[in-house]
C-alpha atoms as a PDB file:
ATOM      1  CA  UNK A   1     163.830  89.377 112.929  1.00  0.00           C
ATOM      2  CA  UNK A   2     165.750  91.027 110.113  1.00  0.00           C
ATOM      3  CA  UNK A   3     163.802  92.995 107.525  1.00  0.00           C
ATOM      4  CA  UNK A   4     165.831  92.118 104.452  1.00  0.00           C
ATOM      5  CA  UNK A   5     164.197  94.558 102.028  1.00  0.00           C
ATOM      6  CA  UNK A   6     164.355  97.457 104.479  1.00  0.00           C
ATOM      7  CA  UNK A   7     168.039  96.712 105.056  1.00  0.00           C
ATOM      8  CA  UNK A   8     168.618  96.616 101.292  1.00  0.00           C
ATOM      9  CA  UNK A   9     166.903 100.004 101.012  1.00  0.00           C
ATOM     10  CA  UNK A  10     169.087 101.421 103.787  1.00  0.00           C
ATOM     11  CA  UNK A  11     172.223 100.140 102.061  1.00  0.00           C
ATOM     12  CA  UNK A  12     171.202 101.747  98.765  1.00  0.00           C
ATOM     13  CA  UNK A  13     170.509 105.091 100.450  1.00  0.00           C
ATOM     14  CA  UNK A  14     173.899 105.066 102.177  1.00  0.00           C
ATOM     15  CA  UNK A  15     175.633 104.092  98.943  1.00  0.00           C
ATOM     16  CA  UNK A  16     174.007 107.003  97.118  1.00  0.00           C
ATOM     17  CA  UNK A  17     175.048 109.412  99.839  1.00  0.00           C
ATOM     18  CA  UNK A  18     178.648 108.158  99.759  1.00  0.00           C
ATOM     19  CA  UNK A  19     178.913 108.223  95.966  1.00  0.00           C
ATOM     20  CA  UNK A  20     177.358 111.639  95.544  1.00  0.00           C
ATOM     21  CA  UNK A  21     174.878 110.245  93.003  1.00  0.00           C
ATOM     22  CA  UNK A  22     172.036 112.419  94.228  1.00  0.00           C
ATOM     23  CA  UNK A  23     168.853 112.857  92.173  1.00  0.00           C
ATOM     24  CA  UNK A  24     167.336 116.246  91.412  1.00  0.00           C
ATOM     25  CA  UNK A  25     163.734 116.665  92.544  1.00  0.00           C
ATOM     26  CA  UNK A  26     161.337 119.360  91.351  1.00  0.00           C
ATOM     27  CA  UNK A  27     157.920 119.536  92.998  1.00  0.00           C
ATOM     28  CA  UNK A  28     154.668 120.887  91.569  1.00  0.00           C
ATOM     29  CA  UNK A  29     152.051 121.628  94.245  1.00  0.00           C
ATOM     30  CA  UNK A  30     148.353 121.570  93.364  1.00  0.00           C
ATOM     31  CA  UNK A  31     146.623 123.671  96.005  1.00  0.00           C
ATOM     32  CA  UNK A  32     143.151 122.561  94.867  1.00  0.00           C
ATOM     33  CA  UNK A  33     143.869 119.011  96.054  1.00  0.00           C
ATOM     34  CA  UNK A  34     146.860 119.771  98.329  1.00  0.00           C
ATOM     35  CA  UNK A  35     148.894 117.321  96.232  1.00  0.00           C
ATOM     36  CA  UNK A  36     152.643 117.414  95.617  1.00  0.00           C
ATOM     37  CA  UNK A  37     153.707 115.888  92.302  1.00  0.00           C
ATOM     38  CA  UNK A  38     157.423 115.180  92.142  1.00  0.00           C
ATOM     39  CA  UNK A  39     159.598 115.009  89.037  1.00  0.00           C
ATOM     40  CA  UNK A  40     162.862 113.274  89.891  1.00  0.00           C
ATOM     41  CA  UNK A  41     165.764 112.856  87.500  1.00  0.00           C
ATOM     42  CA  UNK A  42     169.265 111.506  87.333  1.00  0.00           C
ATOM     43  CA  UNK A  43     171.556 114.449  86.491  1.00  0.00           C
ATOM     44  CA  UNK A  44     174.043 112.172  84.718  1.00  0.00           C
ATOM     45  CA  UNK A  45     171.613 110.680  82.176  1.00  0.00           C
ATOM     46  CA  UNK A  46     168.668 113.119  82.494  1.00  0.00           C
ATOM     47  CA  UNK A  47     166.365 110.122  82.923  1.00  0.00           C
ATOM     48  CA  UNK A  48     163.237 111.048  84.900  1.00  0.00           C
ATOM     49  CA  UNK A  49     160.252 109.717  86.800  1.00  0.00           C
ATOM     50  CA  UNK A  50     156.987 111.511  87.557  1.00  0.00           C
ATOM     51  CA  UNK A  51     155.427 110.606  90.889  1.00  0.00           C
ATOM     52  CA  UNK A  52     151.733 111.108  91.798  1.00  0.00           C
ATOM     53  CA  UNK A  53     150.565 113.364  88.978  1.00  0.00           C
ATOM     54  CA  UNK A  54     147.288 115.334  89.018  1.00  0.00           C
ATOM     55  CA  UNK A  55     144.539 115.544  86.408  1.00  0.00           C
ATOM     56  CA  UNK A  56     142.558 118.741  86.987  1.00  0.00           C
ATOM     57  CA  UNK A  57     138.895 117.932  87.620  1.00  0.00           C
ATOM     58  CA  UNK A  58     135.988 120.287  88.222  1.00  0.00           C
ATOM     59  CA  UNK A  59     133.419 118.125  89.971  1.00  0.00           C
ATOM     60  CA  UNK A  60     130.344 120.393  89.582  1.00  0.00           C
ATOM     61  CA  UNK A  61     130.745 120.465  85.796  1.00  0.00           C
ATOM     62  CA  UNK A  62     132.312 117.024  85.426  1.00  0.00           C
ATOM     63  CA  UNK A  63     135.080 118.500  83.272  1.00  0.00           C
ATOM     64  CA  UNK A  64     138.726 117.490  83.181  1.00  0.00           C
ATOM     65  CA  UNK A  65     141.607 119.734  82.130  1.00  0.00           C
ATOM     66  CA  UNK A  66     145.382 119.553  81.990  1.00  0.00           C
ATOM     67  CA  UNK A  67     146.977 122.754  83.295  1.00  0.00           C
ATOM     68  CA  UNK A  68     148.757 120.922  86.131  1.00  0.00           C
ATOM     69  CA  UNK A  69     150.021 118.173  83.844  1.00  0.00           C
ATOM     70  CA  UNK A  70     151.024 120.623  81.114  1.00  0.00           C
ATOM     71  CA  UNK A  71     153.265 122.478  83.560  1.00  0.00           C
ATOM     72  CA  UNK A  72     155.103 119.204  84.155  1.00  0.00           C
ATOM     73  CA  UNK A  73     155.374 118.581  80.417  1.00  0.00           C
ATOM     74  CA  UNK A  74     156.896 122.033  79.927  1.00  0.00           C
ATOM     75  CA  UNK A  75     159.422 121.405  82.696  1.00  0.00           C
ATOM     76  CA  UNK A  76     160.443 118.005  81.336  1.00  0.00           C
ATOM     77  CA  UNK A  77     160.820 119.220  77.757  1.00  0.00           C
ATOM     78  CA  UNK A  78     162.627 122.436  78.662  1.00  0.00           C
ATOM     79  CA  UNK A  79     165.270 120.485  80.589  1.00  0.00           C
ATOM     80  CA  UNK A  80     165.636 117.746  78.002  1.00  0.00           C
ATOM     81  CA  UNK A  81     164.551 114.954  80.336  1.00  0.00           C
ATOM     82  CA  UNK A  82     163.496 111.472  79.227  1.00  0.00           C
ATOM     83  CA  UNK A  83     160.636 110.032  81.291  1.00  0.00           C
ATOM     84  CA  UNK A  84     161.048 106.351  82.090  1.00  0.00           C
ATOM     85  CA  UNK A  85     158.513 105.926  84.898  1.00  0.00           C
ATOM     86  CA  UNK A  86     155.029 107.264  85.711  1.00  0.00           C
ATOM     87  CA  UNK A  87     154.815 106.233  89.371  1.00  0.00           C
ATOM     88  CA  UNK A  88     151.724 105.963  91.561  1.00  0.00           C
ATOM     89  CA  UNK A  89     152.400 105.499  95.267  1.00  0.00           C
ATOM     90  CA  UNK A  90     148.839 104.165  95.675  1.00  0.00           C
ATOM     91  CA  UNK A  91     145.310 104.547  94.298  1.00  0.00           C
ATOM     92  CA  UNK A  92     144.583 108.082  95.476  1.00  0.00           C
ATOM     93  CA  UNK A  93     141.247 109.091  96.987  1.00  0.00           C
ATOM     94  CA  UNK A  94     141.700 112.862  96.723  1.00  0.00           C
ATOM     95  CA  UNK A  95     142.761 113.546  93.148  1.00  0.00           C
ATOM     96  CA  UNK A  96     142.603 111.975  89.711  1.00  0.00           C
ATOM     97  CA  UNK A  97     145.858 110.749  88.185  1.00  0.00           C
ATOM     98  CA  UNK A  98     147.190 112.320  84.978  1.00  0.00           C
ATOM     99  CA  UNK A  99     149.548 109.403  84.294  1.00  0.00           C
ATOM    100  CA  UNK A 100     147.935 108.254  81.012  1.00  0.00           C
ATOM    101  CA  UNK A 101     147.906 111.825  79.649  1.00  0.00           C
ATOM    102  CA  UNK A 102     151.541 112.317  80.632  1.00  0.00           C
ATOM    103  CA  UNK A 103     152.472 108.927  79.216  1.00  0.00           C
ATOM    104  CA  UNK A 104     150.921 109.883  75.890  1.00  0.00           C
ATOM    105  CA  UNK A 105     152.939 113.115  75.794  1.00  0.00           C
ATOM    106  CA  UNK A 106     156.196 112.017  77.422  1.00  0.00           C
ATOM    107  CA  UNK A 107     156.307 108.226  77.581  1.00  0.00           C
ATOM    108  CA  UNK A 108     157.245 106.103  80.585  1.00  0.00           C
ATOM    109  CA  UNK A 109     155.721 103.003  82.156  1.00  0.00           C
ATOM    110  CA  UNK A 110     152.795 103.478  84.558  1.00  0.00           C
ATOM    111  CA  UNK A 111     153.641 101.533  87.715  1.00  0.00           C
ATOM    112  CA  UNK A 112     151.993 100.835  91.059  1.00  0.00           C
ATOM    113  CA  UNK A 113     152.194  98.223  93.827  1.00  0.00           C
ATOM    114  CA  UNK A 114     150.809  94.778  93.062  1.00  0.00           C
ATOM    115  CA  UNK A 115     148.281  95.031  95.886  1.00  0.00           C
ATOM    116  CA  UNK A 116     146.287  97.358  93.636  1.00  0.00           C
ATOM    117  CA  UNK A 117     144.464  94.121  92.785  1.00  0.00           C
ATOM    118  CA  UNK A 118     143.036  94.119  96.324  1.00  0.00           C
ATOM    119  CA  UNK A 119     141.869  97.705  95.904  1.00  0.00           C
ATOM    120  CA  UNK A 120     140.311  96.875  92.538  1.00  0.00           C
ATOM    121  CA  UNK A 121     138.443  93.928  94.029  1.00  0.00           C
ATOM    122  CA  UNK A 122     137.067  95.952  96.960  1.00  0.00           C
ATOM    123  CA  UNK A 123     136.047  99.006  94.966  1.00  0.00           C
ATOM    124  CA  UNK A 124     134.934  96.978  91.984  1.00  0.00           C
ATOM    125  CA  UNK A 125     132.259  95.598  94.281  1.00  0.00           C
ATOM    126  CA  UNK A 126     131.436  98.984  95.824  1.00  0.00           C
ATOM    127  CA  UNK A 127     130.896 100.486  92.365  1.00  0.00           C
ATOM    128  CA  UNK A 128     129.199  97.323  91.072  1.00  0.00           C
ATOM    129  CA  UNK A 129     131.582  97.108  88.127  1.00  0.00           C
ATOM    130  CA  UNK A 130     130.865  94.420  85.553  1.00  0.00           C
ATOM    131  CA  UNK A 131     133.338  91.989  83.998  1.00  0.00           C
ATOM    132  CA  UNK A 132     134.736  94.657  81.680  1.00  0.00           C
ATOM    133  CA  UNK A 133     136.601  96.087  84.662  1.00  0.00           C
ATOM    134  CA  UNK A 134     139.655  93.878  85.207  1.00  0.00           C
ATOM    135  CA  UNK A 135     140.731  93.265  88.799  1.00  0.00           C
ATOM    136  CA  UNK A 136     144.198  91.975  87.913  1.00  0.00           C
ATOM    137  CA  UNK A 137     146.139  95.240  87.696  1.00  0.00           C
ATOM    138  CA  UNK A 138     146.384  94.964  83.915  1.00  0.00           C
ATOM    139  CA  UNK A 139     145.535  98.676  83.533  1.00  0.00           C
ATOM    140  CA  UNK A 140     149.109  99.373  84.666  1.00  0.00           C
ATOM    141  CA  UNK A 141     152.301  98.616  82.748  1.00  0.00           C
ATOM    142  CA  UNK A 142     154.079  97.113  85.742  1.00  0.00           C
ATOM    143  CA  UNK A 143     153.136  95.979  89.244  1.00  0.00           C
ATOM    144  CA  UNK A 144     155.818  96.169  91.929  1.00  0.00           C
ATOM    145  CA  UNK A 145     156.288  93.973  94.999  1.00  0.00           C
ATOM    146  CA  UNK A 146     158.045  94.652  98.284  1.00  0.00           C
ATOM    147  CA  UNK A 147     161.786  94.760  97.681  1.00  0.00           C
ATOM    148  CA  UNK A 148     161.606  95.064  93.901  1.00  0.00           C
ATOM    149  CA  UNK A 149     164.530  96.987  92.462  1.00  0.00           C
ATOM    150  CA  UNK A 150     164.684  99.214  89.409  1.00  0.00           C
ATOM    151  CA  UNK A 151     166.916 101.849  87.823  1.00  0.00           C
ATOM    152  CA  UNK A 152     166.499 105.497  86.986  1.00  0.00           C
ATOM    153  CA  UNK A 153     169.435 106.182  84.728  1.00  0.00           C
ATOM    154  CA  UNK A 154     172.492 105.491  86.886  1.00  0.00           C
ATOM    155  CA  UNK A 155     170.486 105.664  90.126  1.00  0.00           C
ATOM    156  CA  UNK A 156     169.343 102.606  92.079  1.00  0.00           C
ATOM    157  CA  UNK A 157     165.697 102.360  93.075  1.00  0.00           C
ATOM    158  CA  UNK A 158     163.822 100.043  95.436  1.00  0.00           C
ATOM    159  CA  UNK A 159     160.208  99.866  96.614  1.00  0.00           C
ATOM    160  CA  UNK A 160     158.851  98.985 100.047  1.00  0.00           C
ATOM    161  CA  UNK A 161     155.268  97.889 100.713  1.00  0.00           C
ATOM    162  CA  UNK A 162     153.784 100.170 103.400  1.00  0.00           C
ATOM    163  CA  UNK A 163     150.129  99.176 103.945  1.00  0.00           C
ATOM    164  CA  UNK A 164     147.885 100.979 106.408  1.00  0.00           C
ATOM    165  CA  UNK A 165     146.495 104.015 104.642  1.00  0.00           C
ATOM    166  CA  UNK A 166     145.494 101.622 101.854  1.00  0.00           C
ATOM    167  CA  UNK A 167     146.500  97.990 101.271  1.00  0.00           C
ATOM    168  CA  UNK A 168     148.433  98.973  98.125  1.00  0.00           C
ATOM    169  CA  UNK A 169     150.629 101.808  99.434  1.00  0.00           C
ATOM    170  CA  UNK A 170     154.253 101.637  98.308  1.00  0.00           C
ATOM    171  CA  UNK A 171     157.214 103.829  99.219  1.00  0.00           C
ATOM    172  CA  UNK A 172     159.622 104.496  96.356  1.00  0.00           C
ATOM    173  CA  UNK A 173     163.300 105.089  97.116  1.00  0.00           C
ATOM    174  CA  UNK A 174     165.579 106.489  94.402  1.00  0.00           C
ATOM    175  CA  UNK A 175     169.127 107.372  95.372  1.00  0.00           C
ATOM    176  CA  UNK A 176     168.872 109.199  98.704  1.00  0.00           C
ATOM    177  CA  UNK A 177     165.257 110.296  98.122  1.00  0.00           C
ATOM    178  CA  UNK A 178     162.201 108.564  99.552  1.00  0.00           C
ATOM    179  CA  UNK A 179     158.693 109.194  98.219  1.00  0.00           C
ATOM    180  CA  UNK A 180     156.243 108.240 100.915  1.00  0.00           C
ATOM    181  CA  UNK A 181     152.857 108.819  99.289  1.00  0.00           C
ATOM    182  CA  UNK A 182     150.266 109.358 102.016  1.00  0.00           C
ATOM    183  CA  UNK A 183     151.918 107.176 104.662  1.00  0.00           C
ATOM    184  CA  UNK A 184     153.580 110.157 106.368  1.00  0.00           C
ATOM    185  CA  UNK A 185     152.998 113.901 106.354  1.00  0.00           C
ATOM    186  CA  UNK A 186     155.229 116.724 107.569  1.00  0.00           C
ATOM    187  CA  UNK A 187     156.351 116.194 111.188  1.00  0.00           C
ATOM    188  CA  UNK A 188     154.074 118.977 112.437  1.00  0.00           C
ATOM    189  CA  UNK A 189     151.035 117.412 110.709  1.00  0.00           C
ATOM    190  CA  UNK A 190     151.463 113.728 111.448  1.00  0.00           C
ATOM    191  CA  UNK A 191     150.187 110.720 109.550  1.00  0.00           C
ATOM    192  CA  UNK A 192     147.585 109.592 107.050  1.00  0.00           C
ATOM    193  CA  UNK A 193     144.128 108.354 107.924  1.00  0.00           C
ATOM    194  CA  UNK A 194     143.552 104.600 107.984  1.00  0.00           C
ATOM    195  CA  UNK A 195     139.760 104.292 107.746  1.00  0.00           C
ATOM    196  CA  UNK A 196     139.291 103.770 104.003  1.00  0.00           C
ATOM    197  CA  UNK A 197     138.219 100.270 102.889  1.00  0.00           C
ATOM    198  CA  UNK A 198     141.247  98.057 103.477  1.00  0.00           C
ATOM    199  CA  UNK A 199     142.936 100.587 105.758  1.00  0.00           C
ATOM    200  CA  UNK A 200     144.428  99.507 109.090  1.00  0.00           C
ATOM    201  CA  UNK A 201     145.896 101.780 111.771  1.00  0.00           C
ATOM    202  CA  UNK A 202     148.037  99.035 113.288  1.00  0.00           C
ATOM    203  CA  UNK A 203     149.487  98.144 109.898  1.00  0.00           C
ATOM    204  CA  UNK A 204     150.144 101.853 109.294  1.00  0.00           C
ATOM    205  CA  UNK A 205     152.136 102.152 112.532  1.00  0.00           C
ATOM    206  CA  UNK A 206     154.280  99.165 111.587  1.00  0.00           C
ATOM    207  CA  UNK A 207     154.834 100.478 108.068  1.00  0.00           C
ATOM    208  CA  UNK A 208     155.917 103.862 109.411  1.00  0.00           C
ATOM    209  CA  UNK A 209     158.346 102.306 111.864  1.00  0.00           C
ATOM    210  CA  UNK A 210     159.823 100.315 109.030  1.00  0.00           C
ATOM    211  CA  UNK A 211     160.619 103.642 107.359  1.00  0.00           C
ATOM    212  CA  UNK A 212     161.840 105.350 110.531  1.00  0.00           C
ATOM    213  CA  UNK A 213     164.658 102.810 110.830  1.00  0.00           C
ATOM    214  CA  UNK A 214     166.166 104.024 107.530  1.00  0.00           C
ATOM    215  CA  UNK A 215     169.165 106.421 107.610  1.00  0.00           C
ATOM    216  CA  UNK A 216     168.260 109.705 109.272  1.00  0.00           C
ATOM    217  CA  UNK A 217     169.669 111.818 106.417  1.00  0.00           C
ATOM    218  CA  UNK A 218     167.275 110.261 103.902  1.00  0.00           C
ATOM    219  CA  UNK A 219     165.333 112.970 102.104  1.00  0.00           C
ATOM    220  CA  UNK A 220     161.580 112.382 102.398  1.00  0.00           C
ATOM    221  CA  UNK A 221     159.162 113.791  99.826  1.00  0.00           C
ATOM    222  CA  UNK A 222     155.465 113.793 100.727  1.00  0.00           C
ATOM    223  CA  UNK A 223     152.391 113.543  98.539  1.00  0.00           C
ATOM    224  CA  UNK A 224     150.278 116.069 100.466  1.00  0.00           C
ATOM    225  CA  UNK A 225     150.456 119.011 102.821  1.00  0.00           C
ATOM    226  CA  UNK A 226     147.654 120.875 104.574  1.00  0.00           C
ATOM    227  CA  UNK A 227     149.589 123.510 106.557  1.00  0.00           C
ATOM    228  CA  UNK A 228     149.785 122.556 110.208  1.00  0.00           C
ATOM    229  CA  UNK A 229     148.419 125.178 112.630  1.00  0.00           C
ATOM    230  CA  UNK A 230     150.915 128.001 112.993  1.00  0.00           C
ATOM    231  CA  UNK A 231     152.664 127.326 109.672  1.00  0.00           C
ATOM    232  CA  UNK A 232     152.110 129.801 106.830  1.00  0.00           C
ATOM    233  CA  UNK A 233     153.572 127.922 103.873  1.00  0.00           C
ATOM    234  CA  UNK A 234     153.002 124.546 102.275  1.00  0.00           C
ATOM    235  CA  UNK A 235     155.857 122.079 102.705  1.00  0.00           C
ATOM    236  CA  UNK A 236     156.565 118.653 101.229  1.00  0.00           C
ATOM    237  CA  UNK A 237     160.186 117.789 102.027  1.00  0.00           C
ATOM    238  CA  UNK A 238     161.624 116.580 105.310  1.00  0.00           C
ATOM    239  CA  UNK A 239     164.002 113.849 106.547  1.00  0.00           C
ATOM    240  CA  UNK A 240     163.702 110.515 108.296  1.00  0.00           C
ATOM    241  CA  UNK A 241     165.512 112.015 111.307  1.00  0.00           C
ATOM    242  CA  UNK A 242     162.970 114.843 111.567  1.00  0.00           C
ATOM    243  CA  UNK A 243     160.058 112.405 111.313  1.00  0.00           C
ATOM    244  CA  UNK A 244     161.627 110.131 113.901  1.00  0.00           C
ATOM    245  CA  UNK A 245     162.159 112.876 116.473  1.00  0.00           C
ATOM    246  CA  UNK A 246     159.328 115.327 115.805  1.00  0.00           C
ATOM    247  CA  UNK A 247     156.352 113.707 114.057  1.00  0.00           C
ATOM    248  CA  UNK A 248     153.396 114.653 116.237  1.00  0.00           C
ATOM    249  CA  UNK A 249     151.789 111.216 115.835  1.00  0.00           C
ATOM    250  CA  UNK A 250     154.673 108.723 115.707  1.00  0.00           C
ATOM    251  CA  UNK A 251     157.795 110.293 117.191  1.00  0.00           C
ATOM    252  CA  UNK A 252     160.146 108.147 119.245  1.00  0.00           C
ATOM    253  CA  UNK A 253     158.405 106.861 122.356  1.00  0.00           C
ATOM    254  CA  UNK A 254     154.869 106.590 120.945  1.00  0.00           C
ATOM    255  CA  UNK A 255     153.629 103.019 121.402  1.00  0.00           C
ATOM    256  CA  UNK A 256     151.699 101.053 118.819  1.00  0.00           C
ATOM    257  CA  UNK A 257     148.585 100.883 121.010  1.00  0.00           C
ATOM    258  CA  UNK A 258     148.703 104.631 121.700  1.00  0.00           C
ATOM    259  CA  UNK A 259     149.040 105.381 118.004  1.00  0.00           C
ATOM    260  CA  UNK A 260     146.165 103.063 117.043  1.00  0.00           C
ATOM    261  CA  UNK A 261     143.887 104.641 119.669  1.00  0.00           C
ATOM    262  CA  UNK A 262     144.789 108.134 118.443  1.00  0.00           C
ATOM    263  CA  UNK A 263     144.484 107.289 114.742  1.00  0.00           C
ATOM    264  CA  UNK A 264     141.181 105.452 115.015  1.00  0.00           C
ATOM    265  CA  UNK A 265     139.689 108.141 117.242  1.00  0.00           C
ATOM    266  CA  UNK A 266     140.867 110.936 114.952  1.00  0.00           C
ATOM    267  CA  UNK A 267     139.648 109.176 111.820  1.00  0.00           C
ATOM    268  CA  UNK A 268     136.100 109.034 113.200  1.00  0.00           C
ATOM    269  CA  UNK A 269     136.024 112.831 113.158  1.00  0.00           C
ATOM    270  CA  UNK A 270     137.155 113.216 109.538  1.00  0.00           C
ATOM    271  CA  UNK A 271     134.855 113.702 106.574  1.00  0.00           C
ATOM    272  CA  UNK A 272     135.481 111.842 103.334  1.00  0.00           C
ATOM    273  CA  UNK A 273     137.700 113.584 100.757  1.00  0.00           C
ATOM    274  CA  UNK A 274     135.477 115.543  98.383  1.00  0.00           C
ATOM    275  CA  UNK A 275     136.870 113.770  95.316  1.00  0.00           C
ATOM    276  CA  UNK A 276     137.014 110.243  96.728  1.00  0.00           C
ATOM    277  CA  UNK A 277     134.274 108.772  94.511  1.00  0.00           C
ATOM    278  CA  UNK A 278     135.525 110.065  91.149  1.00  0.00           C
ATOM    279  CA  UNK A 279     139.170 109.634  92.154  1.00  0.00           C
ATOM    280  CA  UNK A 280     138.954 105.973  93.085  1.00  0.00           C
ATOM    281  CA  UNK A 281     136.920 105.055  90.001  1.00  0.00           C
ATOM    282  CA  UNK A 282     139.569 106.630  87.760  1.00  0.00           C
ATOM    283  CA  UNK A 283     142.701 105.696  89.681  1.00  0.00           C
ATOM    284  CA  UNK A 284     141.824 102.024  90.055  1.00  0.00           C
ATOM    285  CA  UNK A 285     141.805 102.053  86.232  1.00  0.00           C
ATOM    286  CA  UNK A 286     145.356 103.380  86.068  1.00  0.00           C
ATOM    287  CA  UNK A 287     144.160 106.973  85.675  1.00  0.00           C
ATOM    288  CA  UNK A 288     141.794 106.203  82.798  1.00  0.00           C
ATOM    289  CA  UNK A 289     138.179 107.299  82.692  1.00  0.00           C
ATOM    290  CA  UNK A 290     135.459 104.625  82.465  1.00  0.00           C
ATOM    291  CA  UNK A 291     134.604 103.472  78.959  1.00  0.00           C
ATOM    292  CA  UNK A 292     132.080 105.572  77.067  1.00  0.00           C
ATOM    293  CA  UNK A 293     128.510 104.286  77.022  1.00  0.00           C
ATOM    294  CA  UNK A 294     126.351 103.819  73.926  1.00  0.00           C
ATOM    295  CA  UNK A 295     125.749 107.573  73.608  1.00  0.00           C
ATOM    296  CA  UNK A 296     129.490 108.287  73.547  1.00  0.00           C
ATOM    297  CA  UNK A 297     129.560 109.823  77.045  1.00  0.00           C
ATOM    298  CA  UNK A 298     131.644 108.627  79.990  1.00  0.00           C
ATOM    299  CA  UNK A 299     130.001 108.435  83.412  1.00  0.00           C
ATOM    300  CA  UNK A 300     131.199 108.208  86.999  1.00  0.00           C
ATOM    301  CA  UNK A 301     128.953 106.506  89.525  1.00  0.00           C
ATOM    302  CA  UNK A 302     127.716 108.035  92.791  1.00  0.00           C
ATOM    303  CA  UNK A 303     126.861 105.212  95.218  1.00  0.00           C
ATOM    304  CA  UNK A 304     124.498 106.274  98.005  1.00  0.00           C
ATOM    305  CA  UNK A 305     125.058 105.530 101.715  1.00  0.00           C
ATOM    306  CA  UNK A 306     128.126 103.337 101.077  1.00  0.00           C
ATOM    307  CA  UNK A 307     131.187 105.096 102.528  1.00  0.00           C
END
């Protein structure tokens, strides 16, 4: 069976490579959360997108700050870029999004995959949210579906739905660059966990193989890195060819059943991310904190014995 949207993505990547219309990517790595935020721009029009931004959060004190986001603002302004998109690859469980703060300073639409509504429904129940918390994705400016196309200046963009890590994961392709979120890590580190609510190891395998059929020269930019054993430096850029041949979890020849057995067994040994509870409550709101209560203070909930 032909995968029309994947084939459209492959055609756009090849066209970008042939035309030489290659985006510029600058990455900001937050070691506290091991998160790579990417600023991508079209060199012809200087139109930019910010992908998977980080709001600094000190959990013991409950305080937020903006050093990570301010570094991005400085970069964008210094280079005279115009931000059109604030992109979230999914509702992150390991860091809080700075998209609303960056939108206020730089502009751009906050966008995510339309299956965020599923995430909002699941976690709305877990956190016992009342009717003031909308479960329709309306906290975001735009919801994207599999195969949706968009533009970044003169560059073509397309999104692919890649469920598995979460039901709402989307891969964003702009020119010859692919932003995979948490679906894939560096080849020497492997793949994302699939045991969060709504996660599915079998769906993750199929999503990854959808990506591995894209052109081998496609640049792949990751959302996280944790330094594989034996590697001294953080890394967040690879290629489809490298993932296809060398990814320790899903290289060529690994069967779906073998991957599922590995992923499910490995996930049972992992602890929850330390920021999962505050992160999900904020990120399912489009990066906004919960509304202040009658005393003017905002609160994040801590459910007991749930996850």
